[in-house]
Amino acid sequence: MAASLLHLVRHGEVHNPSRVLYGRLPDYHLSTAGEEMAQAAAEHVAGLGDPVTALFASPLERAQESAAPFAEVFDLEPETDIRLIEPTNVFEGTRMRRSLMNPMNWWHLRQPSLPSWGEPYASIAERMLGVMDEAWTAAAEIPTAGDIVMVSHQAPIWITHLRVAGLPLQHDPRTRRCALSSVTSFARVGDVWREVSYAEPAATGGAVDVGAV
């Protein structure tokens, strides 16, 4: 049977006292609040009432740690998939506002529709839909298949939303509807993905959320 839903879950808050754009940098782990957010996301999905039989996560520490509550709740071993990773970003390791004050960095903003500061939006959409398609197809071959959870990052999840909705991929990163530990859920009808719901089960007031562009 096919899975009922595929949930794209964003990681929780990261311990980031310097408030840098951490991107793909190593050793950025969940804060204590971030761990609570990840737990809230897992409990939200469990509360939907359907079993989860497949769990995937980006290789970055914050995603792996955010997948841990799902692994415990649903008794699963998370599978790491590089396609769920944060996009590349030339501003990685810097504070964005400070970087934009330097005219030497303005060149990286020359083509926001691509975007020129990192991995092209089209590339992000392609890899995300690729891993989603593969997981859904694999679930269809398992008689007892349940829902699928994929723990990823803000930009890949939002880009997936835009592509599935048929909207332009170019956007202002400040306008993304993808809160920490949010759950964006999809179903596939035939060969077409449809977004069916969006939830913010975690309390994120006061959270530090400056990790990517």
N, C-alpha and C. Protein backbone atom coordinates (compact mmCIF):
# COMPACT_ATOMS: atom_id res chain seq x y z
N MET A 1 0.84 -1.20 0.00
CA MET A 1 0.00 0.00 0.00
C MET A 1 0.88 1.25 0.00
N ALA A 2 0.36 2.34 -0.53
CA ALA A 2 1.10 3.59 -0.52
C ALA A 2 0.99 4.24 0.86
N ALA A 3 1.97 5.07 1.19
CA ALA A 3 1.89 5.83 2.44
C ALA A 3 0.70 6.79 2.36
N SER A 4 0.19 7.19 3.51
CA SER A 4 -0.91 8.15 3.54
C SER A 4 -0.39 9.57 3.35
N LEU A 5 0.66 9.92 4.11
CA LEU A 5 1.21 11.26 4.06
C LEU A 5 2.74 11.21 4.15
N LEU A 6 3.36 12.23 3.63
CA LEU A 6 4.79 12.44 3.80
C LEU A 6 4.97 13.78 4.49
N HIS A 7 5.60 13.76 5.65
CA HIS A 7 5.77 14.96 6.46
C HIS A 7 7.20 15.49 6.34
N LEU A 8 7.35 16.73 5.90
CA LEU A 8 8.65 17.40 5.93
C LEU A 8 8.71 18.21 7.22
N VAL A 9 9.64 17.84 8.08
CA VAL A 9 9.75 18.45 9.41
C VAL A 9 11.04 19.26 9.48
N ARG A 10 10.92 20.50 9.89
CA ARG A 10 12.12 21.31 10.07
C ARG A 10 12.73 21.00 11.44
N HIS A 11 14.04 21.14 11.54
CA HIS A 11 14.73 20.92 12.81
C HIS A 11 14.34 21.97 13.84
N GLY A 12 14.68 21.72 15.09
CA GLY A 12 14.41 22.66 16.17
C GLY A 12 15.47 23.75 16.28
N GLU A 13 15.32 24.59 17.30
CA GLU A 13 16.26 25.69 17.50
C GLU A 13 17.68 25.16 17.72
N VAL A 14 18.64 25.87 17.15
CA VAL A 14 20.05 25.51 17.27
C VAL A 14 20.74 26.40 18.28
N HIS A 15 21.66 25.83 19.05
CA HIS A 15 22.48 26.64 19.97
C HIS A 15 23.42 27.48 19.12
N ASN A 16 23.17 28.78 19.07
CA ASN A 16 23.89 29.65 18.14
C ASN A 16 24.05 31.03 18.79
N PRO A 17 24.84 31.12 19.87
CA PRO A 17 24.95 32.39 20.60
C PRO A 17 25.54 33.52 19.77
N SER A 18 26.34 33.19 18.77
CA SER A 18 26.92 34.24 17.91
C SER A 18 25.98 34.67 16.80
N ARG A 19 24.88 33.94 16.63
CA ARG A 19 23.86 34.25 15.63
C ARG A 19 24.43 34.36 14.22
N VAL A 20 25.23 33.38 13.87
CA VAL A 20 25.79 33.35 12.52
C VAL A 20 24.91 32.49 11.63
N LEU A 21 25.10 32.65 10.33
CA LEU A 21 24.44 31.77 9.37
C LEU A 21 25.25 30.47 9.34
N TYR A 22 24.76 29.44 10.00
CA TYR A 22 25.57 28.24 10.16
C TYR A 22 25.55 27.34 8.93
N GLY A 23 24.50 27.41 8.11
CA GLY A 23 24.49 26.66 6.86
C GLY A 23 24.84 25.19 7.05
N ARG A 24 25.89 24.74 6.35
CA ARG A 24 26.34 23.36 6.45
C ARG A 24 27.51 23.17 7.41
N LEU A 25 27.84 24.20 8.18
CA LEU A 25 28.97 24.08 9.10
C LEU A 25 28.71 22.98 10.13
N PRO A 26 29.75 22.26 10.52
CA PRO A 26 29.58 21.19 11.51
C PRO A 26 29.44 21.73 12.92
N ASP A 27 29.00 20.86 13.82
CA ASP A 27 28.98 21.13 15.26
C ASP A 27 27.98 22.21 15.67
N TYR A 28 26.90 22.34 14.92
CA TYR A 28 25.80 23.19 15.37
C TYR A 28 24.67 22.27 15.80
N HIS A 29 24.47 22.21 17.12
CA HIS A 29 23.55 21.25 17.71
C HIS A 29 22.30 21.95 18.24
N LEU A 30 21.27 21.17 18.52
CA LEU A 30 20.05 21.73 19.07
C LEU A 30 20.32 22.34 20.46
N SER A 31 19.65 23.42 20.73
CA SER A 31 19.63 23.97 22.09
C SER A 31 18.67 23.13 22.93
N THR A 32 18.60 23.43 24.22
CA THR A 32 17.64 22.73 25.07
C THR A 32 16.22 22.99 24.58
N ALA A 33 15.94 24.23 24.20
CA ALA A 33 14.62 24.55 23.65
C ALA A 33 14.40 23.82 22.33
N GLY A 34 15.46 23.68 21.54
CA GLY A 34 15.34 22.98 20.27
C GLY A 34 14.99 21.52 20.45
N GLU A 35 15.53 20.90 21.48
CA GLU A 35 15.19 19.51 21.78
C GLU A 35 13.71 19.39 22.13
N GLU A 36 13.20 20.36 22.89
CA GLU A 36 11.78 20.35 23.25
C GLU A 36 10.91 20.57 22.02
N MET A 37 11.36 21.42 21.10
CA MET A 37 10.62 21.64 19.86
C MET A 37 10.54 20.36 19.04
N ALA A 38 11.67 19.67 18.92
CA ALA A 38 11.69 18.42 18.14
C ALA A 38 10.76 17.39 18.76
N GLN A 39 10.72 17.34 20.08
CA GLN A 39 9.82 16.41 20.76
C GLN A 39 8.37 16.77 20.47
N ALA A 40 8.07 18.07 20.45
CA ALA A 40 6.70 18.51 20.16
C ALA A 40 6.30 18.13 18.75
N ALA A 41 7.23 18.23 17.80
CA ALA A 41 6.92 17.85 16.42
C ALA A 41 6.62 16.36 16.33
N ALA A 42 7.41 15.54 17.01
CA ALA A 42 7.18 14.10 16.99
C ALA A 42 5.84 13.75 17.62
N GLU A 43 5.51 14.40 18.73
CA GLU A 43 4.23 14.13 19.39
C GLU A 43 3.06 14.59 18.52
N HIS A 44 3.25 15.68 17.79
CA HIS A 44 2.21 16.14 16.88
C HIS A 44 1.92 15.10 15.81
N VAL A 45 2.97 14.59 15.18
CA VAL A 45 2.78 13.59 14.13
C VAL A 45 2.15 12.32 14.71
N ALA A 46 2.61 11.92 15.88
CA ALA A 46 2.02 10.74 16.53
C ALA A 46 0.54 10.96 16.81
N GLY A 47 0.18 12.19 17.17
CA GLY A 47 -1.20 12.51 17.48
C GLY A 47 -2.13 12.48 16.28
N LEU A 48 -1.56 12.45 15.08
CA LEU A 48 -2.39 12.36 13.88
C LEU A 48 -3.04 10.99 13.76
N GLY A 49 -2.47 10.02 14.48
CA GLY A 49 -3.10 8.72 14.55
C GLY A 49 -2.67 7.68 13.55
N ASP A 50 -1.81 8.05 12.62
CA ASP A 50 -1.33 7.09 11.63
C ASP A 50 0.08 6.63 11.98
N PRO A 51 0.41 5.37 11.70
CA PRO A 51 1.78 4.92 11.97
C PRO A 51 2.77 5.59 11.03
N VAL A 52 3.99 5.75 11.50
CA VAL A 52 5.10 6.21 10.67
C VAL A 52 6.05 5.03 10.54
N THR A 53 6.33 4.64 9.31
CA THR A 53 7.16 3.45 9.09
C THR A 53 8.44 3.75 8.34
N ALA A 54 8.68 5.02 8.02
CA ALA A 54 9.95 5.40 7.37
C ALA A 54 10.37 6.77 7.88
N LEU A 55 11.64 6.88 8.26
CA LEU A 55 12.19 8.11 8.84
C LEU A 55 13.51 8.43 8.17
N PHE A 56 13.59 9.64 7.61
CA PHE A 56 14.79 10.10 6.93
C PHE A 56 15.23 11.42 7.56
N ALA A 57 16.54 11.72 7.46
CA ALA A 57 17.03 12.98 8.01
C ALA A 57 18.24 13.46 7.23
N SER A 58 18.38 14.77 7.17
CA SER A 58 19.59 15.41 6.66
C SER A 58 20.78 14.96 7.50
N PRO A 59 21.98 14.93 6.92
CA PRO A 59 23.14 14.51 7.70
C PRO A 59 23.63 15.52 8.74
N LEU A 60 23.14 16.75 8.71
CA LEU A 60 23.61 17.75 9.66
C LEU A 60 23.11 17.45 11.07
N GLU A 61 23.93 17.80 12.06
CA GLU A 61 23.65 17.41 13.44
C GLU A 61 22.26 17.84 13.92
N ARG A 62 21.87 19.06 13.59
CA ARG A 62 20.58 19.55 14.08
C ARG A 62 19.40 18.74 13.54
N ALA A 63 19.55 18.23 12.32
CA ALA A 63 18.48 17.40 11.75
C ALA A 63 18.49 16.01 12.36
N GLN A 64 19.69 15.46 12.54
CA GLN A 64 19.80 14.14 13.15
C GLN A 64 19.22 14.15 14.57
N GLU A 65 19.53 15.21 15.31
CA GLU A 65 19.02 15.32 16.68
C GLU A 65 17.51 15.55 16.70
N SER A 66 17.00 16.25 15.69
CA SER A 66 15.55 16.48 15.61
C SER A 66 14.81 15.23 15.18
N ALA A 67 15.51 14.31 14.53
CA ALA A 67 14.89 13.03 14.14
C ALA A 67 14.81 12.06 15.31
N ALA A 68 15.63 12.27 16.34
CA ALA A 68 15.71 11.32 17.45
C ALA A 68 14.36 11.09 18.14
N PRO A 69 13.57 12.13 18.43
CA PRO A 69 12.27 11.86 19.06
C PRO A 69 11.35 11.02 18.18
N PHE A 70 11.42 11.21 16.88
CA PHE A 70 10.61 10.39 15.97
C PHE A 70 11.06 8.94 16.02
N ALA A 71 12.38 8.74 16.07
CA ALA A 71 12.91 7.38 16.15
C ALA A 71 12.42 6.69 17.41
N GLU A 72 12.37 7.44 18.50
CA GLU A 72 11.93 6.85 19.78
C GLU A 72 10.43 6.58 19.78
N VAL A 73 9.65 7.56 19.33
CA VAL A 73 8.20 7.42 19.36
C VAL A 73 7.71 6.30 18.45
N PHE A 74 8.34 6.18 17.27
CA PHE A 74 7.86 5.22 16.28
C PHE A 74 8.75 3.98 16.16
N ASP A 75 9.77 3.90 17.03
CA ASP A 75 10.67 2.74 17.05
C ASP A 75 11.29 2.50 15.68
N LEU A 76 11.94 3.55 15.17
CA LEU A 76 12.54 3.50 13.84
C LEU A 76 14.01 3.87 13.91
N GLU A 77 14.76 3.40 12.94
CA GLU A 77 16.14 3.82 12.75
C GLU A 77 16.16 4.84 11.63
N PRO A 78 16.55 6.10 11.90
CA PRO A 78 16.54 7.10 10.83
C PRO A 78 17.56 6.79 9.74
N GLU A 79 17.15 7.04 8.52
CA GLU A 79 18.04 6.87 7.37
C GLU A 79 18.55 8.24 6.95
N THR A 80 19.84 8.40 6.86
CA THR A 80 20.43 9.68 6.46
C THR A 80 20.42 9.80 4.94
N ASP A 81 19.94 10.94 4.45
CA ASP A 81 19.93 11.18 3.01
C ASP A 81 20.47 12.58 2.73
N ILE A 82 21.55 12.65 1.97
CA ILE A 82 22.23 13.90 1.69
C ILE A 82 21.32 14.88 0.95
N ARG A 83 20.31 14.39 0.26
CA ARG A 83 19.43 15.28 -0.51
C ARG A 83 18.55 16.16 0.37
N LEU A 84 18.48 15.85 1.65
CA LEU A 84 17.69 16.66 2.58
C LEU A 84 18.50 17.78 3.23
N ILE A 85 19.75 17.94 2.82
CA ILE A 85 20.67 18.86 3.49
C ILE A 85 20.34 20.32 3.18
N GLU A 86 20.87 21.20 4.02
CA GLU A 86 20.79 22.65 3.81
C GLU A 86 21.51 23.01 2.51
N PRO A 87 21.04 24.01 1.76
CA PRO A 87 21.76 24.44 0.56
C PRO A 87 23.10 25.09 0.90
N THR A 88 23.98 25.11 -0.06
CA THR A 88 25.24 25.85 0.09
C THR A 88 24.94 27.34 0.15
N ASN A 89 25.88 28.11 0.74
CA ASN A 89 25.64 29.53 0.94
C ASN A 89 26.98 30.23 1.15
N VAL A 90 27.27 31.23 0.33
CA VAL A 90 28.55 31.92 0.45
C VAL A 90 28.66 32.73 1.74
N PHE A 91 27.54 33.01 2.39
CA PHE A 91 27.56 33.78 3.63
C PHE A 91 27.68 32.90 4.87
N GLU A 92 27.85 31.63 4.66
CA GLU A 92 27.98 30.67 5.76
C GLU A 92 29.09 31.09 6.73
N GLY A 93 28.77 31.07 8.01
CA GLY A 93 29.75 31.40 9.04
C GLY A 93 29.82 32.88 9.37
N THR A 94 28.97 33.69 8.75
CA THR A 94 28.98 35.13 9.00
C THR A 94 27.64 35.58 9.58
N ARG A 95 27.61 36.82 10.06
CA ARG A 95 26.36 37.44 10.46
C ARG A 95 25.85 38.21 9.24
N MET A 96 24.65 37.90 8.79
CA MET A 96 24.16 38.39 7.52
C MET A 96 24.14 39.91 7.44
N ARG A 97 23.63 40.55 8.46
CA ARG A 97 23.52 42.01 8.40
C ARG A 97 24.91 42.64 8.25
N ARG A 98 25.88 42.11 8.95
CA ARG A 98 27.24 42.64 8.85
C ARG A 98 27.82 42.38 7.47
N SER A 99 27.53 41.22 6.91
CA SER A 99 28.05 40.88 5.58
C SER A 99 27.49 41.81 4.51
N LEU A 100 26.21 42.17 4.65
CA LEU A 100 25.59 43.02 3.64
C LEU A 100 26.07 44.46 3.71
N MET A 101 26.72 44.83 4.80
CA MET A 101 27.27 46.18 4.90
C MET A 101 28.57 46.30 4.12
N ASN A 102 29.14 45.19 3.73
CA ASN A 102 30.39 45.18 2.98
C ASN A 102 30.11 45.17 1.49
N PRO A 103 30.46 46.24 0.75
CA PRO A 103 30.18 46.28 -0.69
C PRO A 103 30.82 45.12 -1.47
N MET A 104 31.87 44.54 -0.93
CA MET A 104 32.51 43.41 -1.60
C MET A 104 31.57 42.22 -1.72
N ASN A 105 30.56 42.15 -0.87
CA ASN A 105 29.63 41.03 -0.88
C ASN A 105 28.41 41.25 -1.76
N TRP A 106 28.23 42.46 -2.26
CA TRP A 106 27.02 42.76 -3.02
C TRP A 106 26.96 41.96 -4.32
N TRP A 107 28.13 41.56 -4.83
CA TRP A 107 28.18 40.77 -6.06
C TRP A 107 27.38 39.48 -5.91
N HIS A 108 27.38 38.94 -4.70
CA HIS A 108 26.68 37.67 -4.49
C HIS A 108 25.16 37.82 -4.56
N LEU A 109 24.68 39.06 -4.56
CA LEU A 109 23.24 39.29 -4.60
C LEU A 109 22.75 39.68 -5.99
N ARG A 110 23.63 39.54 -6.99
CA ARG A 110 23.34 40.05 -8.33
C ARG A 110 22.16 39.35 -9.00
N GLN A 111 21.88 38.09 -8.64
CA GLN A 111 20.83 37.34 -9.31
C GLN A 111 19.99 36.57 -8.27
N PRO A 112 19.13 37.28 -7.56
CA PRO A 112 18.36 36.63 -6.49
C PRO A 112 17.43 35.54 -6.98
N SER A 113 17.07 35.55 -8.25
CA SER A 113 16.16 34.53 -8.76
C SER A 113 16.82 33.17 -8.87
N LEU A 114 18.16 33.10 -8.83
CA LEU A 114 18.87 31.82 -9.00
C LEU A 114 18.88 30.96 -7.73
N PRO A 115 19.37 31.34 -6.56
CA PRO A 115 20.00 32.62 -6.22
C PRO A 115 21.52 32.56 -6.42
N SER A 116 22.12 33.71 -6.61
CA SER A 116 23.55 33.77 -6.89
C SER A 116 24.42 33.59 -5.66
N TRP A 117 23.83 33.52 -4.47
CA TRP A 117 24.63 33.34 -3.24
C TRP A 117 24.75 31.88 -2.81
N GLY A 118 24.12 30.97 -3.56
CA GLY A 118 24.19 29.57 -3.14
C GLY A 118 23.61 28.63 -4.17
N GLU A 119 23.21 27.46 -3.71
CA GLU A 119 22.65 26.43 -4.58
C GLU A 119 21.39 26.95 -5.29
N PRO A 120 21.27 26.73 -6.59
CA PRO A 120 20.08 27.18 -7.31
C PRO A 120 18.79 26.57 -6.73
N TYR A 121 17.75 27.38 -6.71
CA TYR A 121 16.47 26.89 -6.20
C TYR A 121 15.99 25.65 -6.96
N ALA A 122 16.20 25.64 -8.28
CA ALA A 122 15.74 24.50 -9.08
C ALA A 122 16.45 23.22 -8.66
N SER A 123 17.72 23.33 -8.29
CA SER A 123 18.48 22.17 -7.84
C SER A 123 17.93 21.65 -6.51
N ILE A 124 17.58 22.57 -5.61
CA ILE A 124 17.02 22.18 -4.32
C ILE A 124 15.71 21.43 -4.53
N ALA A 125 14.85 21.98 -5.38
CA ALA A 125 13.55 21.35 -5.65
C ALA A 125 13.74 19.96 -6.24
N GLU A 126 14.67 19.82 -7.16
CA GLU A 126 14.89 18.53 -7.83
C GLU A 126 15.33 17.46 -6.85
N ARG A 127 16.27 17.80 -5.96
CA ARG A 127 16.76 16.78 -5.04
C ARG A 127 15.73 16.43 -3.98
N MET A 128 14.96 17.42 -3.54
CA MET A 128 13.93 17.15 -2.54
C MET A 128 12.83 16.27 -3.12
N LEU A 129 12.36 16.61 -4.29
CA LEU A 129 11.30 15.79 -4.90
C LEU A 129 11.83 14.41 -5.26
N GLY A 130 13.12 14.31 -5.55
CA GLY A 130 13.70 13.01 -5.84
C GLY A 130 13.64 12.07 -4.65
N VAL A 131 14.04 12.56 -3.48
CA VAL A 131 14.02 11.70 -2.29
C VAL A 131 12.58 11.41 -1.87
N MET A 132 11.69 12.36 -2.04
CA MET A 132 10.29 12.13 -1.71
C MET A 132 9.68 11.07 -2.63
N ASP A 133 9.94 11.18 -3.92
CA ASP A 133 9.42 10.20 -4.88
C ASP A 133 9.91 8.79 -4.56
N GLU A 134 11.19 8.68 -4.27
CA GLU A 134 11.77 7.36 -4.00
C GLU A 134 11.15 6.74 -2.74
N ALA A 135 11.00 7.54 -1.70
CA ALA A 135 10.44 7.02 -0.46
C ALA A 135 8.99 6.60 -0.65
N TRP A 136 8.23 7.38 -1.38
CA TRP A 136 6.82 7.06 -1.61
C TRP A 136 6.69 5.78 -2.43
N THR A 137 7.53 5.65 -3.47
CA THR A 137 7.50 4.45 -4.31
C THR A 137 7.88 3.22 -3.49
N ALA A 138 8.89 3.35 -2.63
CA ALA A 138 9.29 2.22 -1.79
C ALA A 138 8.17 1.82 -0.84
N ALA A 139 7.44 2.81 -0.31
CA ALA A 139 6.35 2.51 0.61
C ALA A 139 5.24 1.73 -0.08
N ALA A 140 5.05 2.01 -1.36
CA ALA A 140 3.98 1.33 -2.09
C ALA A 140 4.24 -0.17 -2.22
N GLU A 141 5.48 -0.59 -2.01
CA GLU A 141 5.83 -2.01 -2.13
C GLU A 141 5.77 -2.74 -0.80
N ILE A 142 5.41 -2.02 0.27
CA ILE A 142 5.36 -2.61 1.61
C ILE A 142 3.91 -2.71 2.05
N PRO A 143 3.40 -3.90 2.31
CA PRO A 143 1.99 -4.06 2.68
C PRO A 143 1.58 -3.27 3.92
N THR A 144 2.50 -3.10 4.85
CA THR A 144 2.17 -2.42 6.10
C THR A 144 2.74 -1.01 6.17
N ALA A 145 2.96 -0.38 5.04
CA ALA A 145 3.57 0.95 5.01
C ALA A 145 2.68 1.97 5.70
N GLY A 146 3.32 2.89 6.43
CA GLY A 146 2.62 3.99 7.06
C GLY A 146 3.14 5.30 6.52
N ASP A 147 2.97 6.36 7.28
CA ASP A 147 3.44 7.67 6.85
C ASP A 147 4.97 7.72 6.82
N ILE A 148 5.48 8.76 6.17
CA ILE A 148 6.91 8.98 6.02
C ILE A 148 7.26 10.32 6.66
N VAL A 149 8.34 10.36 7.41
CA VAL A 149 8.83 11.61 8.00
C VAL A 149 10.23 11.89 7.46
N MET A 150 10.45 13.13 7.01
CA MET A 150 11.77 13.57 6.56
C MET A 150 12.13 14.85 7.30
N VAL A 151 13.24 14.82 8.03
CA VAL A 151 13.68 15.98 8.79
C VAL A 151 14.71 16.75 7.97
N SER A 152 14.38 17.99 7.67
CA SER A 152 15.22 18.79 6.78
C SER A 152 15.37 20.20 7.33
N HIS A 153 15.46 21.17 6.44
CA HIS A 153 15.79 22.54 6.79
C HIS A 153 14.80 23.50 6.14
N GLN A 154 14.84 24.75 6.58
CA GLN A 154 13.85 25.72 6.13
C GLN A 154 13.82 25.90 4.62
N ALA A 155 14.96 26.20 4.01
CA ALA A 155 14.97 26.47 2.58
C ALA A 155 14.49 25.28 1.75
N PRO A 156 15.00 24.06 1.96
CA PRO A 156 14.51 22.94 1.15
C PRO A 156 13.01 22.69 1.31
N ILE A 157 12.50 22.85 2.53
CA ILE A 157 11.07 22.62 2.75
C ILE A 157 10.24 23.69 2.05
N TRP A 158 10.66 24.94 2.17
CA TRP A 158 9.90 26.02 1.53
C TRP A 158 9.96 25.93 0.02
N ILE A 159 11.12 25.60 -0.52
CA ILE A 159 11.25 25.44 -1.96
C ILE A 159 10.35 24.31 -2.46
N THR A 160 10.27 23.23 -1.68
CA THR A 160 9.38 22.13 -2.04
C THR A 160 7.93 22.61 -2.06
N HIS A 161 7.55 23.38 -1.06
CA HIS A 161 6.20 23.96 -1.02
C HIS A 161 5.92 24.76 -2.28
N LEU A 162 6.86 25.63 -2.67
CA LEU A 162 6.66 26.47 -3.85
C LEU A 162 6.53 25.63 -5.11
N ARG A 163 7.40 24.64 -5.28
CA ARG A 163 7.36 23.81 -6.47
C ARG A 163 6.06 23.02 -6.56
N VAL A 164 5.65 22.42 -5.45
CA VAL A 164 4.41 21.63 -5.45
C VAL A 164 3.21 22.52 -5.74
N ALA A 165 3.23 23.75 -5.22
CA ALA A 165 2.13 24.68 -5.43
C ALA A 165 2.15 25.31 -6.82
N GLY A 166 3.21 25.08 -7.59
CA GLY A 166 3.32 25.67 -8.91
C GLY A 166 3.64 27.14 -8.90
N LEU A 167 4.27 27.59 -7.81
CA LEU A 167 4.62 29.00 -7.66
C LEU A 167 6.07 29.24 -8.08
N PRO A 168 6.43 30.49 -8.44
CA PRO A 168 7.82 30.79 -8.76
C PRO A 168 8.73 30.47 -7.58
N LEU A 169 9.91 29.94 -7.88
CA LEU A 169 10.83 29.58 -6.81
C LEU A 169 11.54 30.80 -6.22
N GLN A 170 11.65 31.87 -6.98
CA GLN A 170 12.26 33.08 -6.45
C GLN A 170 11.39 33.65 -5.33
N HIS A 171 12.03 34.04 -4.22
CA HIS A 171 11.27 34.57 -3.10
C HIS A 171 12.21 35.31 -2.16
N ASP A 172 11.64 36.05 -1.25
CA ASP A 172 12.39 36.71 -0.18
C ASP A 172 12.50 35.72 0.98
N PRO A 173 13.72 35.30 1.34
CA PRO A 173 13.86 34.32 2.43
C PRO A 173 13.18 34.74 3.73
N ARG A 174 12.97 36.03 3.94
CA ARG A 174 12.35 36.51 5.17
C ARG A 174 10.85 36.22 5.21
N THR A 175 10.28 35.81 4.09
CA THR A 175 8.83 35.57 4.03
C THR A 175 8.47 34.10 4.13
N ARG A 176 9.42 33.22 4.37
CA ARG A 176 9.12 31.79 4.39
C ARG A 176 8.20 31.41 5.54
N ARG A 177 7.20 30.59 5.23
CA ARG A 177 6.33 30.01 6.26
C ARG A 177 6.89 28.63 6.58
N CYS A 178 7.86 28.61 7.46
CA CYS A 178 8.51 27.35 7.81
C CYS A 178 9.21 27.53 9.16
N ALA A 179 8.42 27.54 10.22
CA ALA A 179 8.94 27.78 11.56
C ALA A 179 9.77 26.59 12.04
N LEU A 180 10.54 26.83 13.08
CA LEU A 180 11.31 25.75 13.70
C LEU A 180 10.38 24.62 14.13
N SER A 181 10.77 23.40 13.80
CA SER A 181 10.01 22.18 14.11
C SER A 181 8.60 22.18 13.53
N SER A 182 8.39 22.96 12.47
CA SER A 182 7.11 22.91 11.79
C SER A 182 6.99 21.63 10.98
N VAL A 183 5.74 21.28 10.66
CA VAL A 183 5.45 20.05 9.92
C VAL A 183 4.63 20.41 8.69
N THR A 184 5.21 20.22 7.51
CA THR A 184 4.52 20.46 6.24
C THR A 184 4.23 19.10 5.63
N SER A 185 2.96 18.80 5.41
CA SER A 185 2.55 17.45 5.02
C SER A 185 2.05 17.41 3.59
N PHE A 186 2.42 16.33 2.90
CA PHE A 186 2.09 16.15 1.49
C PHE A 186 1.50 14.77 1.26
N ALA A 187 0.70 14.66 0.21
CA ALA A 187 0.24 13.38 -0.30
C ALA A 187 0.48 13.38 -1.80
N ARG A 188 0.61 12.20 -2.37
CA ARG A 188 0.81 12.12 -3.82
C ARG A 188 -0.40 11.43 -4.44
N VAL A 189 -0.99 12.12 -5.39
CA VAL A 189 -2.13 11.58 -6.13
C VAL A 189 -1.63 11.23 -7.52
N GLY A 190 -1.49 9.93 -7.79
CA GLY A 190 -0.86 9.54 -9.04
C GLY A 190 0.59 9.95 -9.02
N ASP A 191 0.99 10.78 -9.95
CA ASP A 191 2.37 11.27 -10.01
C ASP A 191 2.49 12.72 -9.54
N VAL A 192 1.44 13.24 -8.92
CA VAL A 192 1.42 14.65 -8.55
C VAL A 192 1.39 14.79 -7.02
N TRP A 193 2.31 15.60 -6.50
CA TRP A 193 2.32 15.90 -5.07
C TRP A 193 1.33 17.01 -4.76
N ARG A 194 0.65 16.87 -3.62
CA ARG A 194 -0.26 17.91 -3.13
C ARG A 194 0.07 18.20 -1.66
N GLU A 195 0.18 19.47 -1.33
CA GLU A 195 0.36 19.82 0.08
C GLU A 195 -1.00 19.78 0.76
N VAL A 196 -1.07 19.11 1.90
CA VAL A 196 -2.37 18.94 2.56
C VAL A 196 -2.48 19.68 3.89
N SER A 197 -1.36 19.99 4.53
CA SER A 197 -1.46 20.72 5.80
C SER A 197 -0.10 21.29 6.21
N TYR A 198 -0.19 22.26 7.09
CA TYR A 198 1.01 22.86 7.70
C TYR A 198 0.71 23.10 9.17
N ALA A 199 1.64 22.73 10.04
CA ALA A 199 1.41 22.88 11.48
C ALA A 199 2.68 23.38 12.16
N GLU A 200 2.48 24.15 13.22
CA GLU A 200 3.58 24.63 14.06
C GLU A 200 3.32 24.14 15.48
N PRO A 201 3.66 22.89 15.78
CA PRO A 201 3.33 22.32 17.09
C PRO A 201 4.19 22.80 18.23
N ALA A 202 5.32 23.43 17.94
CA ALA A 202 6.27 23.82 18.98
C ALA A 202 6.15 25.30 19.31
N ALA A 203 6.37 25.62 20.56
CA ALA A 203 6.42 27.02 20.99
C ALA A 203 7.77 27.61 20.58
N THR A 204 7.75 28.62 19.72
CA THR A 204 9.00 29.17 19.19
C THR A 204 9.22 30.63 19.56
N GLY A 205 8.40 31.17 20.42
CA GLY A 205 8.57 32.56 20.81
C GLY A 205 9.92 32.80 21.46
N GLY A 206 10.65 33.79 20.96
CA GLY A 206 11.96 34.10 21.50
C GLY A 206 13.08 33.22 20.97
N ALA A 207 12.77 32.30 20.08
CA ALA A 207 13.81 31.40 19.55
C ALA A 207 14.76 32.14 18.61
N VAL A 208 16.00 31.69 18.60
CA VAL A 208 16.99 32.23 17.67
C VAL A 208 16.88 31.44 16.38
N ASP A 209 16.59 32.14 15.28
CA ASP A 209 16.34 31.46 14.01
C ASP A 209 17.00 32.25 12.88
N VAL A 210 18.32 32.19 12.83
CA VAL A 210 19.07 32.97 11.83
C VAL A 210 20.08 32.09 11.10
N GLY A 211 19.78 30.80 11.00
CA GLY A 211 20.80 29.87 10.54
C GLY A 211 21.07 29.80 9.07
N ALA A 212 20.16 30.29 8.22
CA ALA A 212 20.33 30.09 6.78
C ALA A 212 19.69 31.23 6.00
N VAL A 213 19.95 31.24 4.68
CA VAL A 213 19.34 32.21 3.78
C VAL A 213 18.60 31.45 2.69
